[in-house]
PDB file of N, CA and C in Angstrom:
ATOM      1  N   UNK A   1      24.924  43.424  42.054  1.00  0.00           N
ATOM      2  CA  UNK A   1      24.380  43.964  40.845  1.00  0.00           C
ATOM      3  C   UNK A   1      25.208  43.542  39.639  1.00  0.00           C
ATOM      4  N   UNK A   2      26.521  43.582  39.804  1.00  0.00           N
ATOM      5  CA  UNK A   2      27.408  43.188  38.718  1.00  0.00           C
ATOM      6  C   UNK A   2      27.204  41.717  38.386  1.00  0.00           C
ATOM      7  N   UNK A   3      27.011  40.917  39.433  1.00  0.00           N
ATOM      8  CA  UNK A   3      26.759  39.489  39.229  1.00  0.00           C
ATOM      9  C   UNK A   3      25.500  39.268  38.406  1.00  0.00           C
ATOM     10  N   UNK A   4      24.461  40.000  38.690  1.00  0.00           N
ATOM     11  CA  UNK A   4      23.189  39.858  37.983  1.00  0.00           C
ATOM     12  C   UNK A   4      23.342  40.247  36.523  1.00  0.00           C
ATOM     13  N   UNK A   5      24.114  41.316  36.265  1.00  0.00           N
ATOM     14  CA  UNK A   5      24.341  41.742  34.882  1.00  0.00           C
ATOM     15  C   UNK A   5      25.163  40.705  34.129  1.00  0.00           C
ATOM     16  N   UNK A   6      26.193  40.161  34.782  1.00  0.00           N
ATOM     17  CA  UNK A   6      27.014  39.132  34.138  1.00  0.00           C
ATOM     18  C   UNK A   6      26.192  37.878  33.861  1.00  0.00           C
ATOM     19  N   UNK A   7      25.352  37.498  34.806  1.00  0.00           N
ATOM     20  CA  UNK A   7      24.501  36.326  34.621  1.00  0.00           C
ATOM     21  C   UNK A   7      23.512  36.562  33.487  1.00  0.00           C
ATOM     22  N   UNK A   8      22.918  37.742  33.417  1.00  0.00           N
ATOM     23  CA  UNK A   8      21.965  38.066  32.355  1.00  0.00           C
ATOM     24  C   UNK A   8      22.661  38.082  31.000  1.00  0.00           C
ATOM     25  N   UNK A   9      23.884  38.640  30.945  1.00  0.00           N
ATOM     26  CA  UNK A   9      24.636  38.692  29.689  1.00  0.00           C
ATOM     27  C   UNK A   9      25.007  37.285  29.237  1.00  0.00           C
ATOM     28  N   UNK A  10      25.416  36.433  30.164  1.00  0.00           N
ATOM     29  CA  UNK A  10      25.785  35.057  29.820  1.00  0.00           C
ATOM     30  C   UNK A  10      24.561  34.280  29.330  1.00  0.00           C
ATOM     31  N   UNK A  11      23.452  34.477  30.008  1.00  0.00           N
ATOM     32  CA  UNK A  11      22.215  33.804  29.607  1.00  0.00           C
ATOM     33  C   UNK A  11      21.780  34.263  28.217  1.00  0.00           C
ATOM     34  N   UNK A  12      21.835  35.566  27.948  1.00  0.00           N
ATOM     35  CA  UNK A  12      21.447  36.109  26.645  1.00  0.00           C
ATOM     36  C   UNK A  12      22.370  35.582  25.553  1.00  0.00           C
ATOM     37  N   UNK A  13      23.670  35.512  25.843  1.00  0.00           N
ATOM     38  CA  UNK A  13      24.626  35.003  24.857  1.00  0.00           C
ATOM     39  C   UNK A  13      24.362  33.531  24.581  1.00  0.00           C
ATOM     40  N   UNK A  14      24.038  32.764  25.605  1.00  0.00           N
ATOM     41  CA  UNK A  14      23.749  31.340  25.428  1.00  0.00           C
ATOM     42  C   UNK A  14      22.501  31.126  24.588  1.00  0.00           C
ATOM     43  N   UNK A  15      21.456  31.927  24.833  1.00  0.00           N
ATOM     44  CA  UNK A  15      20.239  31.813  24.040  1.00  0.00           C
ATOM     45  C   UNK A  15      20.482  32.206  22.592  1.00  0.00           C
ATOM     46  N   UNK A  16      21.260  33.249  22.374  1.00  0.00           N
ATOM     47  CA  UNK A  16      21.557  33.691  21.013  1.00  0.00           C
ATOM     48  C   UNK A  16      22.361  32.629  20.278  1.00  0.00           C
ATOM     49  N   UNK A  17      23.303  32.000  20.944  1.00  0.00           N
ATOM     50  CA  UNK A  17      24.117  30.960  20.313  1.00  0.00           C
ATOM     51  C   UNK A  17      23.268  29.763  19.924  1.00  0.00           C
ATOM     52  N   UNK A  18      22.345  29.358  20.807  1.00  0.00           N
ATOM     53  CA  UNK A  18      21.516  28.194  20.488  1.00  0.00           C
ATOM     54  C   UNK A  18      20.566  28.492  19.329  1.00  0.00           C
ATOM     55  N   UNK A  19      20.159  29.739  19.173  1.00  0.00           N
ATOM     56  CA  UNK A  19      19.289  30.101  18.051  1.00  0.00           C
ATOM     57  C   UNK A  19      20.041  29.986  16.738  1.00  0.00           C
ATOM     58  N   UNK A  20      21.321  30.361  16.742  1.00  0.00           N
ATOM     59  CA  UNK A  20      22.109  30.261  15.518  1.00  0.00           C
ATOM     60  C   UNK A  20      22.610  28.852  15.270  1.00  0.00           C
ATOM     61  N   UNK A  21      22.699  28.048  16.292  1.00  0.00           N
ATOM     62  CA  UNK A  21      23.220  26.687  16.139  1.00  0.00           C
ATOM     63  C   UNK A  21      22.310  25.840  15.258  1.00  0.00           C
ATOM     64  N   UNK A  22      21.012  26.124  15.243  1.00  0.00           N
ATOM     65  CA  UNK A  22      20.088  25.349  14.424  1.00  0.00           C
ATOM     66  C   UNK A  22      20.148  25.726  12.954  1.00  0.00           C
ATOM     67  N   UNK A  23      20.769  26.831  12.599  1.00  0.00           N
ATOM     68  CA  UNK A  23      20.865  27.277  11.223  1.00  0.00           C
ATOM     69  C   UNK A  23      21.917  26.456  10.502  1.00  0.00           C
ATOM     70  N   UNK A  24      21.492  25.735   9.467  1.00  0.00           N
ATOM     71  CA  UNK A  24      22.435  24.879   8.735  1.00  0.00           C
ATOM     72  C   UNK A  24      23.170  25.633   7.656  1.00  0.00           C
ATOM     73  N   UNK A  25      22.739  26.854   7.359  1.00  0.00           N
ATOM     74  CA  UNK A  25      23.403  27.626   6.333  1.00  0.00           C
ATOM     75  C   UNK A  25      22.933  27.268   4.931  1.00  0.00           C
ATOM     76  N   UNK A  26      21.961  26.382   4.806  1.00  0.00           N
ATOM     77  CA  UNK A  26      21.450  25.964   3.504  1.00  0.00           C
ATOM     78  C   UNK A  26      20.535  27.053   2.966  1.00  0.00           C
ATOM     79  N   UNK A  27      20.992  27.741   1.937  1.00  0.00           N
ATOM     80  CA  UNK A  27      20.188  28.810   1.360  1.00  0.00           C
ATOM     81  C   UNK A  27      19.680  28.424  -0.032  1.00  0.00           C
ATOM     82  N   UNK A  28      19.645  27.134  -0.320  1.00  0.00           N
ATOM     83  CA  UNK A  28      19.177  26.664  -1.610  1.00  0.00           C
ATOM     84  C   UNK A  28      17.702  26.996  -1.784  1.00  0.00           C
ATOM     85  N   UNK A  29      17.364  27.584  -2.901  1.00  0.00           N
ATOM     86  CA  UNK A  29      15.973  27.878  -3.212  1.00  0.00           C
ATOM     87  C   UNK A  29      15.445  26.716  -4.038  1.00  0.00           C
ATOM     88  N   UNK A  30      14.399  26.073  -3.538  1.00  0.00           N
ATOM     89  CA  UNK A  30      13.839  24.926  -4.233  1.00  0.00           C
ATOM     90  C   UNK A  30      12.757  25.393  -5.190  1.00  0.00           C
ATOM     91  N   UNK A  31      12.747  24.800  -6.387  1.00  0.00           N
ATOM     92  CA  UNK A  31      11.741  25.145  -7.387  1.00  0.00           C
ATOM     93  C   UNK A  31      10.396  24.575  -6.971  1.00  0.00           C
ATOM     94  N   UNK A  32       9.310  25.255  -7.314  1.00  0.00           N
ATOM     95  CA  UNK A  32       7.987  24.710  -7.006  1.00  0.00           C
ATOM     96  C   UNK A  32       7.722  23.473  -7.841  1.00  0.00           C
ATOM     97  N   UNK A  33       6.803  22.596  -7.419  1.00  0.00           N
ATOM     98  CA  UNK A  33       6.497  21.411  -8.203  1.00  0.00           C
ATOM     99  C   UNK A  33       6.005  21.795  -9.586  1.00  0.00           C
ATOM    100  N   UNK A  34       6.296  20.940 -10.554  1.00  0.00           N
ATOM    101  CA  UNK A  34       5.881  21.210 -11.933  1.00  0.00           C
ATOM    102  C   UNK A  34       4.363  21.202 -12.047  1.00  0.00           C
ATOM    103  N   UNK A  35       3.849  22.144 -12.777  1.00  0.00           N
ATOM    104  CA  UNK A  35       2.407  22.210 -13.004  1.00  0.00           C
ATOM    105  C   UNK A  35       2.036  21.335 -14.193  1.00  0.00           C
ATOM    106  N   UNK A  36       0.774  20.972 -14.274  1.00  0.00           N
ATOM    107  CA  UNK A  36       0.286  20.162 -15.381  1.00  0.00           C
ATOM    108  C   UNK A  36       0.510  20.921 -16.683  1.00  0.00           C
ATOM    109  N   UNK A  37       0.977  20.221 -17.690  1.00  0.00           N
ATOM    110  CA  UNK A  37       1.182  20.834 -18.990  1.00  0.00           C
ATOM    111  C   UNK A  37       2.571  21.420 -19.158  1.00  0.00           C
ATOM    112  N   UNK A  38       3.443  21.281 -18.165  1.00  0.00           N
ATOM    113  CA  UNK A  38       4.803  21.763 -18.293  1.00  0.00           C
ATOM    114  C   UNK A  38       5.705  20.573 -18.540  1.00  0.00           C
ATOM    115  N   UNK A  39       7.008  20.807 -18.481  1.00  0.00           N
ATOM    116  CA  UNK A  39       7.952  19.723 -18.737  1.00  0.00           C
ATOM    117  C   UNK A  39       8.069  18.745 -17.583  1.00  0.00           C
ATOM    118  N   UNK A  40       7.330  18.978 -16.497  1.00  0.00           N
ATOM    119  CA  UNK A  40       7.350  18.081 -15.350  1.00  0.00           C
ATOM    120  C   UNK A  40       6.562  16.816 -15.642  1.00  0.00           C
ATOM    121  N   UNK A  41       6.552  15.896 -14.705  1.00  0.00           N
ATOM    122  CA  UNK A  41       5.822  14.652 -14.929  1.00  0.00           C
ATOM    123  C   UNK A  41       4.326  14.894 -15.035  1.00  0.00           C
ATOM    124  N   UNK A  42       3.682  14.127 -15.893  1.00  0.00           N
ATOM    125  CA  UNK A  42       2.233  14.253 -16.063  1.00  0.00           C
ATOM    126  C   UNK A  42       1.518  13.684 -14.847  1.00  0.00           C
ATOM    127  N   UNK A  43       0.361  14.211 -14.587  1.00  0.00           N
ATOM    128  CA  UNK A  43      -0.463  13.681 -13.509  1.00  0.00           C
ATOM    129  C   UNK A  43      -1.052  12.366 -13.984  1.00  0.00           C
ATOM    130  N   UNK A  44      -0.982  11.377 -13.134  1.00  0.00           N
ATOM    131  CA  UNK A  44      -1.447  10.038 -13.502  1.00  0.00           C
ATOM    132  C   UNK A  44      -2.959  10.005 -13.660  1.00  0.00           C
ATOM    133  N   UNK A  45      -3.436   9.404 -14.765  1.00  0.00           N
ATOM    134  CA  UNK A  45      -4.868   9.251 -15.000  1.00  0.00           C
ATOM    135  C   UNK A  45      -5.370   8.115 -14.133  1.00  0.00           C
ATOM    136  N   UNK A  46      -6.442   8.363 -13.377  1.00  0.00           N
ATOM    137  CA  UNK A  46      -6.958   7.348 -12.470  1.00  0.00           C
ATOM    138  C   UNK A  46      -7.806   6.309 -13.191  1.00  0.00           C
ATOM    139  N   UNK A  47      -8.189   6.584 -14.446  1.00  0.00           N
ATOM    140  CA  UNK A  47      -8.978   5.637 -15.225  1.00  0.00           C
ATOM    141  C   UNK A  47      -8.090   4.597 -15.868  1.00  0.00           C
ATOM    142  N   UNK A  48      -8.595   3.385 -15.969  1.00  0.00           N
ATOM    143  CA  UNK A  48      -7.935   2.384 -16.795  1.00  0.00           C
ATOM    144  C   UNK A  48      -8.481   2.541 -18.203  1.00  0.00           C
ATOM    145  N   UNK A  49      -7.883   1.874 -19.150  1.00  0.00           N
ATOM    146  CA  UNK A  49      -8.363   1.908 -20.526  1.00  0.00           C
ATOM    147  C   UNK A  49      -9.809   1.418 -20.605  1.00  0.00           C
ATOM    148  N   UNK A  50     -10.116   0.333 -19.895  1.00  0.00           N
ATOM    149  CA  UNK A  50     -11.485  -0.209 -19.906  1.00  0.00           C
ATOM    150  C   UNK A  50     -12.486   0.769 -19.295  1.00  0.00           C
ATOM    151  N   UNK A  51     -12.106   1.444 -18.223  1.00  0.00           N
ATOM    152  CA  UNK A  51     -13.002   2.415 -17.593  1.00  0.00           C
ATOM    153  C   UNK A  51     -13.254   3.603 -18.518  1.00  0.00           C
ATOM    154  N   UNK A  52     -12.211   4.048 -19.211  1.00  0.00           N
ATOM    155  CA  UNK A  52     -12.372   5.150 -20.154  1.00  0.00           C
ATOM    156  C   UNK A  52     -13.294   4.724 -21.292  1.00  0.00           C
ATOM    157  N   UNK A  53     -13.150   3.498 -21.769  1.00  0.00           N
ATOM    158  CA  UNK A  53     -14.007   2.965 -22.832  1.00  0.00           C
ATOM    159  C   UNK A  53     -15.466   2.934 -22.365  1.00  0.00           C
ATOM    160  N   UNK A  54     -15.724   2.415 -21.162  1.00  0.00           N
ATOM    161  CA  UNK A  54     -17.088   2.358 -20.623  1.00  0.00           C
ATOM    162  C   UNK A  54     -17.676   3.756 -20.463  1.00  0.00           C
ATOM    163  N   UNK A  55     -16.847   4.698 -20.049  1.00  0.00           N
ATOM    164  CA  UNK A  55     -17.295   6.080 -19.892  1.00  0.00           C
ATOM    165  C   UNK A  55     -17.736   6.644 -21.245  1.00  0.00           C
ATOM    166  N   UNK A  56     -16.947   6.391 -22.280  1.00  0.00           N
ATOM    167  CA  UNK A  56     -17.317   6.845 -23.623  1.00  0.00           C
ATOM    168  C   UNK A  56     -18.624   6.195 -24.076  1.00  0.00           C
ATOM    169  N   UNK A  57     -18.786   4.910 -23.787  1.00  0.00           N
ATOM    170  CA  UNK A  57     -20.009   4.210 -24.172  1.00  0.00           C
ATOM    171  C   UNK A  57     -21.223   4.815 -23.465  1.00  0.00           C
ATOM    172  N   UNK A  58     -21.079   5.156 -22.192  1.00  0.00           N
ATOM    173  CA  UNK A  58     -22.182   5.768 -21.439  1.00  0.00           C
ATOM    174  C   UNK A  58     -22.577   7.119 -22.018  1.00  0.00           C
ATOM    175  N   UNK A  59     -21.630   7.765 -22.669  1.00  0.00           N
ATOM    176  CA  UNK A  59     -21.898   9.071 -23.272  1.00  0.00           C
ATOM    177  C   UNK A  59     -22.414   8.944 -24.708  1.00  0.00           C
ATOM    178  N   UNK A  60     -22.631   7.709 -25.170  1.00  0.00           N
ATOM    179  CA  UNK A  60     -23.217   7.502 -26.488  1.00  0.00           C
ATOM    180  C   UNK A  60     -22.240   7.240 -27.610  1.00  0.00           C
ATOM    181  N   UNK A  61     -20.975   7.030 -27.298  1.00  0.00           N
ATOM    182  CA  UNK A  61     -19.991   6.738 -28.338  1.00  0.00           C
ATOM    183  C   UNK A  61     -20.016   5.240 -28.652  1.00  0.00           C
ATOM    184  N   UNK A  62     -19.812   4.905 -29.921  1.00  0.00           N
ATOM    185  CA  UNK A  62     -19.740   3.510 -30.367  1.00  0.00           C
ATOM    186  C   UNK A  62     -18.469   3.332 -31.188  1.00  0.00           C
ATOM    187  N   UNK A  63     -18.213   2.106 -31.618  1.00  0.00           N
ATOM    188  CA  UNK A  63     -17.033   1.802 -32.444  1.00  0.00           C
ATOM    189  C   UNK A  63     -15.768   2.440 -31.870  1.00  0.00           C
ATOM    190  N   UNK A  64     -15.557   2.272 -30.576  1.00  0.00           N
ATOM    191  CA  UNK A  64     -14.418   2.887 -29.893  1.00  0.00           C
ATOM    192  C   UNK A  64     -13.161   2.087 -30.202  1.00  0.00           C
ATOM    193  N   UNK A  65     -12.152   2.767 -30.702  1.00  0.00           N
ATOM    194  CA  UNK A  65     -10.889   2.106 -31.028  1.00  0.00           C
ATOM    195  C   UNK A  65     -10.136   1.744 -29.750  1.00  0.00           C
ATOM    196  N   UNK A  66      -9.008   1.089 -29.926  1.00  0.00           N
ATOM    197  CA  UNK A  66      -8.123   0.839 -28.778  1.00  0.00           C
ATOM    198  C   UNK A  66      -7.683   2.202 -28.242  1.00  0.00           C
ATOM    199  N   UNK A  67      -7.678   2.344 -26.939  1.00  0.00           N
ATOM    200  CA  UNK A  67      -7.295   3.615 -26.319  1.00  0.00           C
ATOM    201  C   UNK A  67      -5.861   3.512 -25.816  1.00  0.00           C
ATOM    202  N   UNK A  68      -5.095   4.536 -26.091  1.00  0.00           N
ATOM    203  CA  UNK A  68      -3.705   4.579 -25.641  1.00  0.00           C
ATOM    204  C   UNK A  68      -3.491   5.840 -24.819  1.00  0.00           C
ATOM    205  N   UNK A  69      -2.661   5.715 -23.797  1.00  0.00           N
ATOM    206  CA  UNK A  69      -2.386   6.866 -22.927  1.00  0.00           C
ATOM    207  C   UNK A  69      -1.304   7.734 -23.569  1.00  0.00           C
ATOM    208  N   UNK A  70      -1.565   9.054 -23.654  1.00  0.00           N
ATOM    209  CA  UNK A  70      -0.567   9.961 -24.213  1.00  0.00           C
ATOM    210  C   UNK A  70       0.333  10.515 -23.104  1.00  0.00           C
ATOM    211  N   UNK A  71       1.259  11.399 -23.483  1.00  0.00           N
ATOM    212  CA  UNK A  71       2.239  11.938 -22.535  1.00  0.00           C
ATOM    213  C   UNK A  71       1.592  12.764 -21.426  1.00  0.00           C
ATOM    214  N   UNK A  72       0.387  13.296 -21.670  1.00  0.00           N
ATOM    215  CA  UNK A  72      -0.307  14.099 -20.661  1.00  0.00           C
ATOM    216  C   UNK A  72      -1.205  13.258 -19.769  1.00  0.00           C
ATOM    217  N   UNK A  73      -1.243  11.932 -19.997  1.00  0.00           N
ATOM    218  CA  UNK A  73      -2.051  11.052 -19.165  1.00  0.00           C
ATOM    219  C   UNK A  73      -3.474  10.867 -19.656  1.00  0.00           C
ATOM    220  N   UNK A  74      -3.801  11.363 -20.856  1.00  0.00           N
ATOM    221  CA  UNK A  74      -5.147  11.201 -21.408  1.00  0.00           C
ATOM    222  C   UNK A  74      -5.219   9.915 -22.218  1.00  0.00           C
ATOM    223  N   UNK A  75      -6.389   9.265 -22.164  1.00  0.00           N
ATOM    224  CA  UNK A  75      -6.650   8.104 -23.012  1.00  0.00           C
ATOM    225  C   UNK A  75      -7.160   8.631 -24.344  1.00  0.00           C
ATOM    226  N   UNK A  76      -6.456   8.306 -25.434  1.00  0.00           N
ATOM    227  CA  UNK A  76      -6.835   8.832 -26.743  1.00  0.00           C
ATOM    228  C   UNK A  76      -7.167   7.704 -27.703  1.00  0.00           C
ATOM    229  N   UNK A  77      -8.054   8.009 -28.647  1.00  0.00           N
ATOM    230  CA  UNK A  77      -8.452   7.048 -29.664  1.00  0.00           C
ATOM    231  C   UNK A  77      -9.492   7.682 -30.569  1.00  0.00           C
ATOM    232  N   UNK A  78     -10.246   6.840 -31.270  1.00  0.00           N
ATOM    233  CA  UNK A  78     -11.331   7.332 -32.118  1.00  0.00           C
ATOM    234  C   UNK A  78     -12.616   6.636 -31.706  1.00  0.00           C
ATOM    235  N   UNK A  79     -13.735   7.301 -31.989  1.00  0.00           N
ATOM    236  CA  UNK A  79     -15.040   6.731 -31.672  1.00  0.00           C
ATOM    237  C   UNK A  79     -16.078   7.383 -32.580  1.00  0.00           C
ATOM    238  N   UNK A  80     -17.226   6.739 -32.672  1.00  0.00           N
ATOM    239  CA  UNK A  80     -18.312   7.254 -33.505  1.00  0.00           C
ATOM    240  C   UNK A  80     -19.445   7.747 -32.621  1.00  0.00           C
ATOM    241  N   UNK A  81     -19.969   8.927 -32.989  1.00  0.00           N
ATOM    242  CA  UNK A  81     -21.141   9.473 -32.301  1.00  0.00           C
ATOM    243  C   UNK A  81     -21.930  10.273 -33.318  1.00  0.00           C
ATOM    244  N   UNK A  82     -23.240  10.071 -33.314  1.00  0.00           N
ATOM    245  CA  UNK A  82     -24.123  10.762 -34.262  1.00  0.00           C
ATOM    246  C   UNK A  82     -23.692  10.511 -35.705  1.00  0.00           C
ATOM    247  N   UNK A  83     -23.198   9.309 -35.975  1.00  0.00           N
ATOM    248  CA  UNK A  83     -22.817   8.938 -37.336  1.00  0.00           C
ATOM    249  C   UNK A  83     -21.476   9.475 -37.791  1.00  0.00           C
ATOM    250  N   UNK A  84     -20.754  10.164 -36.929  1.00  0.00           N
ATOM    251  CA  UNK A  84     -19.455  10.738 -37.296  1.00  0.00           C
ATOM    252  C   UNK A  84     -18.355  10.112 -36.457  1.00  0.00           C
ATOM    253  N   UNK A  85     -17.262   9.735 -37.113  1.00  0.00           N
ATOM    254  CA  UNK A  85     -16.101   9.220 -36.394  1.00  0.00           C
ATOM    255  C   UNK A  85     -15.204  10.399 -36.043  1.00  0.00           C
ATOM    256  N   UNK A  86     -14.882  10.516 -34.767  1.00  0.00           N
ATOM    257  CA  UNK A  86     -14.067  11.633 -34.286  1.00  0.00           C
ATOM    258  C   UNK A  86     -12.939  11.113 -33.407  1.00  0.00           C
ATOM    259  N   UNK A  87     -11.897  11.911 -33.298  1.00  0.00           N
ATOM    260  CA  UNK A  87     -10.819  11.620 -32.347  1.00  0.00           C
ATOM    261  C   UNK A  87     -11.296  12.068 -30.976  1.00  0.00           C
ATOM    262  N   UNK A  88     -11.101  11.226 -29.981  1.00  0.00           N
ATOM    263  CA  UNK A  88     -11.525  11.557 -28.621  1.00  0.00           C
ATOM    264  C   UNK A  88     -10.372  11.345 -27.647  1.00  0.00           C
ATOM    265  N   UNK A  89     -10.486  12.017 -26.513  1.00  0.00           N
ATOM    266  CA  UNK A  89      -9.527  11.832 -25.425  1.00  0.00           C
ATOM    267  C   UNK A  89     -10.295  11.939 -24.117  1.00  0.00           C
ATOM    268  N   UNK A  90      -9.982  11.065 -23.174  1.00  0.00           N
ATOM    269  CA  UNK A  90     -10.582  11.117 -21.842  1.00  0.00           C
ATOM    270  C   UNK A  90      -9.477  11.584 -20.896  1.00  0.00           C
ATOM    271  N   UNK A  91      -9.682  12.767 -20.278  1.00  0.00           N
ATOM    272  CA  UNK A  91      -8.637  13.321 -19.423  1.00  0.00           C
ATOM    273  C   UNK A  91      -8.721  12.765 -18.002  1.00  0.00           C
ATOM    274  N   UNK A  92      -7.869  13.257 -17.137  1.00  0.00           N
ATOM    275  CA  UNK A  92      -7.781  12.724 -15.779  1.00  0.00           C
ATOM    276  C   UNK A  92      -9.016  13.006 -14.955  1.00  0.00           C
ATOM    277  N   UNK A  93      -9.853  13.931 -15.392  1.00  0.00           N
ATOM    278  CA  UNK A  93     -11.093  14.247 -14.681  1.00  0.00           C
ATOM    279  C   UNK A  93     -12.271  13.480 -15.238  1.00  0.00           C
ATOM    280  N   UNK A  94     -12.047  12.697 -16.307  1.00  0.00           N
ATOM    281  CA  UNK A  94     -13.124  11.958 -16.935  1.00  0.00           C
ATOM    282  C   UNK A  94     -13.855  12.738 -17.997  1.00  0.00           C
ATOM    283  N   UNK A  95     -13.352  13.924 -18.315  1.00  0.00           N
ATOM    284  CA  UNK A  95     -13.986  14.725 -19.346  1.00  0.00           C
ATOM    285  C   UNK A  95     -13.527  14.266 -20.713  1.00  0.00           C
ATOM    286  N   UNK A  96     -14.453  14.272 -21.667  1.00  0.00           N
ATOM    287  CA  UNK A  96     -14.152  13.822 -23.021  1.00  0.00           C
ATOM    288  C   UNK A  96     -13.851  15.040 -23.879  1.00  0.00           C
ATOM    289  N   UNK A  97     -12.731  14.957 -24.581  1.00  0.00           N
ATOM    290  CA  UNK A  97     -12.308  16.035 -25.466  1.00  0.00           C
ATOM    291  C   UNK A  97     -12.417  15.505 -26.888  1.00  0.00           C
ATOM    292  N   UNK A  98     -13.229  16.156 -27.715  1.00  0.00           N
ATOM    293  CA  UNK A  98     -13.335  15.772 -29.132  1.00  0.00           C
ATOM    294  C   UNK A  98     -12.352  16.597 -29.917  1.00  0.00           C
ATOM    295  N   UNK A  99     -11.686  15.943 -30.836  1.00  0.00           N
ATOM    296  CA  UNK A  99     -10.698  16.663 -31.652  1.00  0.00           C
ATOM    297  C   UNK A  99     -11.136  16.688 -33.094  1.00  0.00           C
TER     298      UNK A  99
END
């Protein structure tokens, strides 16, 4: 009986030691990835300048200026629609924002 208890105690101690052996002690809390619109990196726009221009043309815009990518990944420029020249931006989803 004593042998069985000693064997069980040794086995339990061995299992407990192996469970702690995998613990590296690293308790560093990692920050979540930056969300869009924060100081983190901008999400890359999947459109090229030419694709954004064609998209604007399909929506009825004319006289589209050169488009430049801003810090948020939007293609920005000016275009004419309904006789009015407006500032436009094409975001990463392909939506047009008039300013």
